[in-house]
Amino acid sequence: MRNRKAKDIQAVLARKGFQQSAKSHHLYYSLYVNGKKTGVFTYFSHGPKEYGAALMNQVRKQLKFASTDDAERFFDCPMSEQEYIKLLRDQNVLR
């Protein structure tokens, strides 16, 4: 996966149904569907301003993307929130 700025990743998450909460020294982003919190989440530490390939791969796994292509589509914004939720349902991550 290509490098991305942490603030850009967080902005995409906020637009696609994720809500931020601060726990300890990390910022957690949890996916909400129809007002209910799901088990899909990722978190950011306050340190890195840019996420390289290794950290982006961890974020990809936390957000339950099976392929790098799907994750790139999500972060580049061609994938909508509804498409993402459908993808998670097709993978039996969400009901």
PDB file of N, CA and C in Angstrom:
ATOM      1  N   MET A   1       0.838  -1.183   0.000  1.00  0.00           N
ATOM      2  CA  MET A   1       0.000   0.000   0.000  1.00  0.00           C
ATOM      3  C   MET A   1       0.880   1.243   0.000  1.00  0.00           C
ATOM      4  N   ARG A   2       0.348   2.291  -0.578  1.00  0.00           N
ATOM      5  CA  ARG A   2       1.152   3.509  -0.660  1.00  0.00           C
ATOM      6  C   ARG A   2       1.073   4.310   0.634  1.00  0.00           C
ATOM      7  N   ASN A   3       2.054   5.163   0.838  1.00  0.00           N
ATOM      8  CA  ASN A   3       2.120   6.005   2.030  1.00  0.00           C
ATOM      9  C   ASN A   3       0.958   6.998   2.032  1.00  0.00           C
ATOM     10  N   ARG A   4       0.462   7.305   3.229  1.00  0.00           N
ATOM     11  CA  ARG A   4      -0.609   8.279   3.377  1.00  0.00           C
ATOM     12  C   ARG A   4      -0.404   9.059   4.669  1.00  0.00           C
ATOM     13  N   LYS A   5      -0.844  10.304   4.662  1.00  0.00           N
ATOM     14  CA  LYS A   5      -0.783  11.121   5.862  1.00  0.00           C
ATOM     15  C   LYS A   5      -1.864  10.661   6.831  1.00  0.00           C
ATOM     16  N   ALA A   6      -1.530  10.615   8.107  1.00  0.00           N
ATOM     17  CA  ALA A   6      -2.473  10.162   9.133  1.00  0.00           C
ATOM     18  C   ALA A   6      -3.744  10.996   9.111  1.00  0.00           C
ATOM     19  N   LYS A   7      -3.620  12.306   8.952  1.00  0.00           N
ATOM     20  CA  LYS A   7      -4.816  13.160   8.962  1.00  0.00           C
ATOM     21  C   LYS A   7      -5.713  12.877   7.765  1.00  0.00           C
ATOM     22  N   ASP A   8      -5.142  12.483   6.623  1.00  0.00           N
ATOM     23  CA  ASP A   8      -5.941  12.130   5.448  1.00  0.00           C
ATOM     24  C   ASP A   8      -6.709  10.828   5.679  1.00  0.00           C
ATOM     25  N   ILE A   9      -6.053   9.860   6.300  1.00  0.00           N
ATOM     26  CA  ILE A   9      -6.709   8.583   6.624  1.00  0.00           C
ATOM     27  C   ILE A   9      -7.867   8.839   7.576  1.00  0.00           C
ATOM     28  N   GLN A  10      -7.615   9.644   8.607  1.00  0.00           N
ATOM     29  CA  GLN A  10      -8.646   9.935   9.600  1.00  0.00           C
ATOM     30  C   GLN A  10      -9.833  10.663   8.976  1.00  0.00           C
ATOM     31  N   ALA A  11      -9.583  11.540   8.029  1.00  0.00           N
ATOM     32  CA  ALA A  11     -10.663  12.262   7.353  1.00  0.00           C
ATOM     33  C   ALA A  11     -11.534  11.307   6.543  1.00  0.00           C
ATOM     34  N   VAL A  12     -10.914  10.352   5.866  1.00  0.00           N
ATOM     35  CA  VAL A  12     -11.667   9.367   5.092  1.00  0.00           C
ATOM     36  C   VAL A  12     -12.526   8.527   6.033  1.00  0.00           C
ATOM     37  N   LEU A  13     -11.951   8.086   7.134  1.00  0.00           N
ATOM     38  CA  LEU A  13     -12.704   7.279   8.097  1.00  0.00           C
ATOM     39  C   LEU A  13     -13.921   8.042   8.616  1.00  0.00           C
ATOM     40  N   ALA A  14     -13.738   9.304   8.942  1.00  0.00           N
ATOM     41  CA  ALA A  14     -14.841  10.114   9.465  1.00  0.00           C
ATOM     42  C   ALA A  14     -15.963  10.261   8.440  1.00  0.00           C
ATOM     43  N   ARG A  15     -15.623  10.337   7.175  1.00  0.00           N
ATOM     44  CA  ARG A  15     -16.635  10.469   6.116  1.00  0.00           C
ATOM     45  C   ARG A  15     -17.365   9.167   5.841  1.00  0.00           C
ATOM     46  N   LYS A  16     -16.800   8.047   6.282  1.00  0.00           N
ATOM     47  CA  LYS A  16     -17.361   6.745   5.914  1.00  0.00           C
ATOM     48  C   LYS A  16     -17.891   5.958   7.106  1.00  0.00           C
ATOM     49  N   GLY A  17     -18.437   6.668   8.091  1.00  0.00           N
ATOM     50  CA  GLY A  17     -19.153   5.998   9.173  1.00  0.00           C
ATOM     51  C   GLY A  17     -18.359   5.682  10.419  1.00  0.00           C
ATOM     52  N   PHE A  18     -17.110   6.097  10.482  1.00  0.00           N
ATOM     53  CA  PHE A  18     -16.293   5.846  11.667  1.00  0.00           C
ATOM     54  C   PHE A  18     -16.393   7.037  12.610  1.00  0.00           C
ATOM     55  N   GLN A  19     -16.420   6.730  13.902  1.00  0.00           N
ATOM     56  CA  GLN A  19     -16.438   7.786  14.909  1.00  0.00           C
ATOM     57  C   GLN A  19     -15.199   7.655  15.769  1.00  0.00           C
ATOM     58  N   GLN A  20     -14.659   8.800  16.137  1.00  0.00           N
ATOM     59  CA  GLN A  20     -13.416   8.853  16.894  1.00  0.00           C
ATOM     60  C   GLN A  20     -13.692   8.851  18.382  1.00  0.00           C
ATOM     61  N   SER A  21     -12.846   8.146  19.111  1.00  0.00           N
ATOM     62  CA  SER A  21     -12.847   8.223  20.571  1.00  0.00           C
ATOM     63  C   SER A  21     -11.395   8.132  21.029  1.00  0.00           C
ATOM     64  N   ALA A  22     -11.098   8.844  22.077  1.00  0.00           N
ATOM     65  CA  ALA A  22      -9.730   8.839  22.611  1.00  0.00           C
ATOM     66  C   ALA A  22      -9.674   7.869  23.779  1.00  0.00           C
ATOM     67  N   LYS A  23      -8.806   6.901  23.669  1.00  0.00           N
ATOM     68  CA  LYS A  23      -8.580   5.950  24.758  1.00  0.00           C
ATOM     69  C   LYS A  23      -7.088   5.979  25.032  1.00  0.00           C
ATOM     70  N   SER A  24      -6.736   6.208  26.252  1.00  0.00           N
ATOM     71  CA  SER A  24      -5.338   6.351  26.668  1.00  0.00           C
ATOM     72  C   SER A  24      -4.626   7.329  25.744  1.00  0.00           C
ATOM     73  N   HIS A  25      -3.559   6.934  25.136  1.00  0.00           N
ATOM     74  CA  HIS A  25      -2.798   7.848  24.291  1.00  0.00           C
ATOM     75  C   HIS A  25      -3.015   7.582  22.801  1.00  0.00           C
ATOM     76  N   HIS A  26      -4.059   6.814  22.449  1.00  0.00           N
ATOM     77  CA  HIS A  26      -4.371   6.519  21.055  1.00  0.00           C
ATOM     78  C   HIS A  26      -5.717   7.112  20.675  1.00  0.00           C
ATOM     79  N   LEU A  27      -5.892   7.368  19.397  1.00  0.00           N
ATOM     80  CA  LEU A  27      -7.185   7.779  18.856  1.00  0.00           C
ATOM     81  C   LEU A  27      -7.806   6.565  18.181  1.00  0.00           C
ATOM     82  N   TYR A  28      -8.952   6.125  18.669  1.00  0.00           N
ATOM     83  CA  TYR A  28      -9.636   4.975  18.108  1.00  0.00           C
ATOM     84  C   TYR A  28     -10.738   5.434  17.175  1.00  0.00           C
ATOM     85  N   TYR A  29     -10.873   4.738  16.062  1.00  0.00           N
ATOM     86  CA  TYR A  29     -11.947   4.984  15.104  1.00  0.00           C
ATOM     87  C   TYR A  29     -12.738   3.694  14.967  1.00  0.00           C
ATOM     88  N   SER A  30     -14.013   3.731  15.375  1.00  0.00           N
ATOM     89  CA  SER A  30     -14.890   2.568  15.307  1.00  0.00           C
ATOM     90  C   SER A  30     -15.976   2.812  14.274  1.00  0.00           C
ATOM     91  N   LEU A  31     -16.316   1.776  13.530  1.00  0.00           N
ATOM     92  CA  LEU A  31     -17.365   1.870  12.524  1.00  0.00           C
ATOM     93  C   LEU A  31     -18.730   1.748  13.190  1.00  0.00           C
ATOM     94  N   TYR A  32     -19.603   2.683  12.849  1.00  0.00           N
ATOM     95  CA  TYR A  32     -20.988   2.647  13.303  1.00  0.00           C
ATOM     96  C   TYR A  32     -21.885   2.426  12.096  1.00  0.00           C
ATOM     97  N   VAL A  33     -22.826   1.485  12.230  1.00  0.00           N
ATOM     98  CA  VAL A  33     -23.794   1.210  11.178  1.00  0.00           C
ATOM     99  C   VAL A  33     -25.181   1.328  11.797  1.00  0.00           C
ATOM    100  N   ASN A  34     -25.997   2.186  11.228  1.00  0.00           N
ATOM    101  CA  ASN A  34     -27.344   2.445  11.751  1.00  0.00           C
ATOM    102  C   ASN A  34     -27.312   2.834  13.225  1.00  0.00           C
ATOM    103  N   GLY A  35     -26.327   3.625  13.604  1.00  0.00           N
ATOM    104  CA  GLY A  35     -26.212   4.115  14.966  1.00  0.00           C
ATOM    105  C   GLY A  35     -25.636   3.134  15.964  1.00  0.00           C
ATOM    106  N   LYS A  36     -25.257   1.939  15.504  1.00  0.00           N
ATOM    107  CA  LYS A  36     -24.709   0.925  16.410  1.00  0.00           C
ATOM    108  C   LYS A  36     -23.236   0.693  16.115  1.00  0.00           C
ATOM    109  N   LYS A  37     -22.474   0.590  17.187  1.00  0.00           N
ATOM    110  CA  LYS A  37     -21.034   0.347  17.074  1.00  0.00           C
ATOM    111  C   LYS A  37     -20.799  -1.099  16.636  1.00  0.00           C
ATOM    112  N   THR A  38     -19.928  -1.267  15.661  1.00  0.00           N
ATOM    113  CA  THR A  38     -19.564  -2.609  15.200  1.00  0.00           C
ATOM    114  C   THR A  38     -18.212  -2.985  15.797  1.00  0.00           C
ATOM    115  N   GLY A  39     -17.720  -4.143  15.459  1.00  0.00           N
ATOM    116  CA  GLY A  39     -16.414  -4.587  15.938  1.00  0.00           C
ATOM    117  C   GLY A  39     -15.269  -4.162  15.035  1.00  0.00           C
ATOM    118  N   VAL A  40     -15.565  -3.362  14.021  1.00  0.00           N
ATOM    119  CA  VAL A  40     -14.533  -2.922  13.079  1.00  0.00           C
ATOM    120  C   VAL A  40     -13.947  -1.606  13.583  1.00  0.00           C
ATOM    121  N   PHE A  41     -12.634  -1.597  13.809  1.00  0.00           N
ATOM    122  CA  PHE A  41     -11.991  -0.388  14.321  1.00  0.00           C
ATOM    123  C   PHE A  41     -10.525  -0.360  13.916  1.00  0.00           C
ATOM    124  N   THR A  42      -9.948   0.803  14.043  1.00  0.00           N
ATOM    125  CA  THR A  42      -8.509   0.979  13.902  1.00  0.00           C
ATOM    126  C   THR A  42      -8.098   2.073  14.874  1.00  0.00           C
ATOM    127  N   TYR A  43      -6.819   2.208  15.100  1.00  0.00           N
ATOM    128  CA  TYR A  43      -6.375   3.259  16.009  1.00  0.00           C
ATOM    129  C   TYR A  43      -5.094   3.897  15.505  1.00  0.00           C
ATOM    130  N   PHE A  44      -4.868   5.104  15.993  1.00  0.00           N
ATOM    131  CA  PHE A  44      -3.698   5.894  15.619  1.00  0.00           C
ATOM    132  C   PHE A  44      -3.002   6.355  16.875  1.00  0.00           C
ATOM    133  N   SER A  45      -1.687   6.256  16.870  1.00  0.00           N
ATOM    134  CA  SER A  45      -0.927   6.864  17.949  1.00  0.00           C
ATOM    135  C   SER A  45      -0.661   8.307  17.542  1.00  0.00           C
ATOM    136  N   HIS A  46      -0.227   9.110  18.462  1.00  0.00           N
ATOM    137  CA  HIS A  46       0.005  10.523  18.178  1.00  0.00           C
ATOM    138  C   HIS A  46       1.349  10.769  17.485  1.00  0.00           C
ATOM    139  N   GLY A  47       2.157   9.734  17.355  1.00  0.00           N
ATOM    140  CA  GLY A  47       3.496   9.905  16.808  1.00  0.00           C
ATOM    141  C   GLY A  47       3.590  10.123  15.316  1.00  0.00           C
ATOM    142  N   PRO A  48       3.348   9.072  14.518  1.00  0.00           N
ATOM    143  CA  PRO A  48       3.604   9.201  13.078  1.00  0.00           C
ATOM    144  C   PRO A  48       2.650  10.167  12.377  1.00  0.00           C
ATOM    145  N   LYS A  49       3.207  11.053  11.584  1.00  0.00           N
ATOM    146  CA  LYS A  49       2.402  11.975  10.778  1.00  0.00           C
ATOM    147  C   LYS A  49       2.062  11.338   9.442  1.00  0.00           C
ATOM    148  N   GLU A  50       2.908  10.389   9.019  1.00  0.00           N
ATOM    149  CA  GLU A  50       2.670   9.693   7.758  1.00  0.00           C
ATOM    150  C   GLU A  50       2.790   8.197   8.008  1.00  0.00           C
ATOM    151  N   TYR A  51       1.881   7.450   7.404  1.00  0.00           N
ATOM    152  CA  TYR A  51       1.877   6.002   7.548  1.00  0.00           C
ATOM    153  C   TYR A  51       2.499   5.378   6.308  1.00  0.00           C
ATOM    154  N   GLY A  52       3.564   4.619   6.510  1.00  0.00           N
ATOM    155  CA  GLY A  52       4.227   3.914   5.427  1.00  0.00           C
ATOM    156  C   GLY A  52       3.505   2.610   5.119  1.00  0.00           C
ATOM    157  N   ALA A  53       4.100   1.816   4.255  1.00  0.00           N
ATOM    158  CA  ALA A  53       3.481   0.579   3.784  1.00  0.00           C
ATOM    159  C   ALA A  53       3.166  -0.388   4.935  1.00  0.00           C
ATOM    160  N   ALA A  54       4.070  -0.520   5.884  1.00  0.00           N
ATOM    161  CA  ALA A  54       3.852  -1.471   6.982  1.00  0.00           C
ATOM    162  C   ALA A  54       2.662  -1.057   7.853  1.00  0.00           C
ATOM    163  N   LEU A  55       2.594   0.206   8.228  1.00  0.00           N
ATOM    164  CA  LEU A  55       1.466   0.670   9.042  1.00  0.00           C
ATOM    165  C   LEU A  55       0.159   0.647   8.250  1.00  0.00           C
ATOM    166  N   MET A  56       0.218   0.991   6.971  1.00  0.00           N
ATOM    167  CA  MET A  56      -0.988   0.948   6.146  1.00  0.00           C
ATOM    168  C   MET A  56      -1.503  -0.484   6.015  1.00  0.00           C
ATOM    169  N   ASN A  57      -0.597  -1.432   5.979  1.00  0.00           N
ATOM    170  CA  ASN A  57      -1.000  -2.837   5.912  1.00  0.00           C
ATOM    171  C   ASN A  57      -1.715  -3.246   7.201  1.00  0.00           C
ATOM    172  N   GLN A  58      -1.254  -2.748   8.336  1.00  0.00           N
ATOM    173  CA  GLN A  58      -1.936  -3.033   9.600  1.00  0.00           C
ATOM    174  C   GLN A  58      -3.327  -2.416   9.618  1.00  0.00           C
ATOM    175  N   VAL A  59      -3.444  -1.179   9.156  1.00  0.00           N
ATOM    176  CA  VAL A  59      -4.744  -0.517   9.087  1.00  0.00           C
ATOM    177  C   VAL A  59      -5.668  -1.315   8.164  1.00  0.00           C
ATOM    178  N   ARG A  60      -5.142  -1.761   7.019  1.00  0.00           N
ATOM    179  CA  ARG A  60      -5.929  -2.569   6.079  1.00  0.00           C
ATOM    180  C   ARG A  60      -6.505  -3.803   6.762  1.00  0.00           C
ATOM    181  N   LYS A  61      -5.683  -4.491   7.521  1.00  0.00           N
ATOM    182  CA  LYS A  61      -6.142  -5.695   8.217  1.00  0.00           C
ATOM    183  C   LYS A  61      -7.166  -5.362   9.293  1.00  0.00           C
ATOM    184  N   GLN A  62      -6.946  -4.289  10.044  1.00  0.00           N
ATOM    185  CA  GLN A  62      -7.886  -3.906  11.098  1.00  0.00           C
ATOM    186  C   GLN A  62      -9.250  -3.544  10.516  1.00  0.00           C
ATOM    187  N   LEU A  63      -9.251  -2.968   9.316  1.00  0.00           N
ATOM    188  CA  LEU A  63     -10.508  -2.575   8.682  1.00  0.00           C
ATOM    189  C   LEU A  63     -11.120  -3.713   7.873  1.00  0.00           C
ATOM    190  N   LYS A  64     -10.508  -4.894   7.952  1.00  0.00           N
ATOM    191  CA  LYS A  64     -11.036  -6.137   7.381  1.00  0.00           C
ATOM    192  C   LYS A  64     -11.044  -6.182   5.858  1.00  0.00           C
ATOM    193  N   PHE A  65     -10.075  -5.519   5.226  1.00  0.00           N
ATOM    194  CA  PHE A  65      -9.963  -5.605   3.778  1.00  0.00           C
ATOM    195  C   PHE A  65      -9.162  -6.848   3.426  1.00  0.00           C
ATOM    196  N   ALA A  66      -9.726  -7.694   2.575  1.00  0.00           N
ATOM    197  CA  ALA A  66      -9.028  -8.902   2.138  1.00  0.00           C
ATOM    198  C   ALA A  66      -7.951  -8.567   1.120  1.00  0.00           C
ATOM    199  N   SER A  67      -8.170  -7.512   0.335  1.00  0.00           N
ATOM    200  CA  SER A  67      -7.197  -7.176  -0.704  1.00  0.00           C
ATOM    201  C   SER A  67      -6.711  -5.739  -0.552  1.00  0.00           C
ATOM    202  N   THR A  68      -5.506  -5.534  -1.001  1.00  0.00           N
ATOM    203  CA  THR A  68      -4.922  -4.192  -1.001  1.00  0.00           C
ATOM    204  C   THR A  68      -5.692  -3.283  -1.952  1.00  0.00           C
ATOM    205  N   ASP A  69      -6.155  -3.825  -3.077  1.00  0.00           N
ATOM    206  CA  ASP A  69      -6.911  -3.029  -4.045  1.00  0.00           C
ATOM    207  C   ASP A  69      -8.168  -2.433  -3.422  1.00  0.00           C
ATOM    208  N   ASP A  70      -8.894  -3.242  -2.636  1.00  0.00           N
ATOM    209  CA  ASP A  70     -10.103  -2.731  -1.969  1.00  0.00           C
ATOM    210  C   ASP A  70      -9.749  -1.627  -0.984  1.00  0.00           C
ATOM    211  N   ALA A  71      -8.682  -1.815  -0.245  1.00  0.00           N
ATOM    212  CA  ALA A  71      -8.262  -0.798   0.720  1.00  0.00           C
ATOM    213  C   ALA A  71      -7.876   0.492   0.012  1.00  0.00           C
ATOM    214  N   GLU A  72      -7.152   0.380  -1.089  1.00  0.00           N
ATOM    215  CA  GLU A  72      -6.761   1.576  -1.846  1.00  0.00           C
ATOM    216  C   GLU A  72      -7.999   2.294  -2.384  1.00  0.00           C
ATOM    217  N   ARG A  73      -8.992   1.552  -2.871  1.00  0.00           N
ATOM    218  CA  ARG A  73     -10.235   2.160  -3.362  1.00  0.00           C
ATOM    219  C   ARG A  73     -10.964   2.877  -2.229  1.00  0.00           C
ATOM    220  N   PHE A  74     -10.931   2.292  -1.041  1.00  0.00           N
ATOM    221  CA  PHE A  74     -11.574   2.902   0.127  1.00  0.00           C
ATOM    222  C   PHE A  74     -10.901   4.235   0.461  1.00  0.00           C
ATOM    223  N   PHE A  75      -9.586   4.242   0.542  1.00  0.00           N
ATOM    224  CA  PHE A  75      -8.864   5.450   0.942  1.00  0.00           C
ATOM    225  C   PHE A  75      -8.772   6.494  -0.165  1.00  0.00           C
ATOM    226  N   ASP A  76      -8.839   6.059  -1.425  1.00  0.00           N
ATOM    227  CA  ASP A  76      -8.843   7.011  -2.539  1.00  0.00           C
ATOM    228  C   ASP A  76     -10.253   7.538  -2.819  1.00  0.00           C
ATOM    229  N   CYS A  77     -11.238   6.988  -2.155  1.00  0.00           N
ATOM    230  CA  CYS A  77     -12.643   7.420  -2.144  1.00  0.00           C
ATOM    231  C   CYS A  77     -13.555   6.954  -3.276  1.00  0.00           C
ATOM    232  N   PRO A  78     -13.161   6.121  -4.225  1.00  0.00           N
ATOM    233  CA  PRO A  78     -14.182   5.609  -5.135  1.00  0.00           C
ATOM    234  C   PRO A  78     -15.167   4.675  -4.421  1.00  0.00           C
ATOM    235  N   MET A  79     -14.740   4.047  -3.318  1.00  0.00           N
ATOM    236  CA  MET A  79     -15.622   3.152  -2.570  1.00  0.00           C
ATOM    237  C   MET A  79     -16.415   3.968  -1.559  1.00  0.00           C
ATOM    238  N   SER A  80     -17.737   3.855  -1.637  1.00  0.00           N
ATOM    239  CA  SER A  80     -18.608   4.590  -0.718  1.00  0.00           C
ATOM    240  C   SER A  80     -18.743   3.836   0.603  1.00  0.00           C
ATOM    241  N   GLU A  81     -19.346   4.510   1.565  1.00  0.00           N
ATOM    242  CA  GLU A  81     -19.615   3.877   2.859  1.00  0.00           C
ATOM    243  C   GLU A  81     -20.504   2.656   2.671  1.00  0.00           C
ATOM    244  N   GLN A  82     -21.538   2.763   1.828  1.00  0.00           N
ATOM    245  CA  GLN A  82     -22.450   1.642   1.594  1.00  0.00           C
ATOM    246  C   GLN A  82     -21.738   0.464   0.923  1.00  0.00           C
ATOM    247  N   GLU A  83     -20.844   0.754  -0.009  1.00  0.00           N
ATOM    248  CA  GLU A  83     -20.074  -0.313  -0.653  1.00  0.00           C
ATOM    249  C   GLU A  83     -19.181  -1.019   0.370  1.00  0.00           C
ATOM    250  N   TYR A  84     -18.589  -0.250   1.264  1.00  0.00           N
ATOM    251  CA  TYR A  84     -17.728  -0.819   2.305  1.00  0.00           C
ATOM    252  C   TYR A  84     -18.543  -1.726   3.229  1.00  0.00           C
ATOM    253  N   ILE A  85     -19.702  -1.266   3.648  1.00  0.00           N
ATOM    254  CA  ILE A  85     -20.561  -2.079   4.516  1.00  0.00           C
ATOM    255  C   ILE A  85     -20.989  -3.351   3.799  1.00  0.00           C
ATOM    256  N   LYS A  86     -21.325  -3.245   2.513  1.00  0.00           N
ATOM    257  CA  LYS A  86     -21.688  -4.438   1.730  1.00  0.00           C
ATOM    258  C   LYS A  86     -20.515  -5.405   1.662  1.00  0.00           C
ATOM    259  N   LEU A  87     -19.313  -4.897   1.449  1.00  0.00           N
ATOM    260  CA  LEU A  87     -18.122  -5.722   1.411  1.00  0.00           C
ATOM    261  C   LEU A  87     -17.949  -6.479   2.732  1.00  0.00           C
ATOM    262  N   LEU A  88     -18.126  -5.776   3.848  1.00  0.00           N
ATOM    263  CA  LEU A  88     -18.004  -6.408   5.167  1.00  0.00           C
ATOM    264  C   LEU A  88     -19.072  -7.464   5.375  1.00  0.00           C
ATOM    265  N   ARG A  89     -20.278  -7.200   4.898  1.00  0.00           N
ATOM    266  CA  ARG A  89     -21.363  -8.197   5.011  1.00  0.00           C
ATOM    267  C   ARG A  89     -21.088  -9.410   4.131  1.00  0.00           C
ATOM    268  N   ASP A  90     -20.584  -9.182   2.933  1.00  0.00           N
ATOM    269  CA  ASP A  90     -20.244 -10.298   2.042  1.00  0.00           C
ATOM    270  C   ASP A  90     -19.155 -11.179   2.632  1.00  0.00           C
ATOM    271  N   GLN A  91     -18.277 -10.603   3.434  1.00  0.00           N
ATOM    272  CA  GLN A  91     -17.198 -11.338   4.093  1.00  0.00           C
ATOM    273  C   GLN A  91     -17.633 -11.895   5.457  1.00  0.00           C
ATOM    274  N   ASN A  92     -18.907 -11.714   5.798  1.00  0.00           N
ATOM    275  CA  ASN A  92     -19.468 -12.162   7.083  1.00  0.00           C
ATOM    276  C   ASN A  92     -18.794 -11.504   8.283  1.00  0.00           C
ATOM    277  N   VAL A  93     -18.277 -10.294   8.097  1.00  0.00           N
ATOM    278  CA  VAL A  93     -17.734  -9.522   9.210  1.00  0.00           C
ATOM    279  C   VAL A  93     -18.884  -8.816   9.922  1.00  0.00           C
ATOM    280  N   LEU A  94     -19.870  -8.357   9.141  1.00  0.00           N
ATOM    281  CA  LEU A  94     -21.084  -7.730   9.672  1.00  0.00           C
ATOM    282  C   LEU A  94     -22.286  -8.543   9.253  1.00  0.00           C
ATOM    283  N   ARG A  95     -23.352  -8.405  10.023  1.00  0.00           N
ATOM    284  CA  ARG A  95     -24.611  -9.069   9.666  1.00  0.00           C
ATOM    285  C   ARG A  95     -25.526  -8.104   8.994  1.00  0.00           C
TER     286      ARG A  95
END
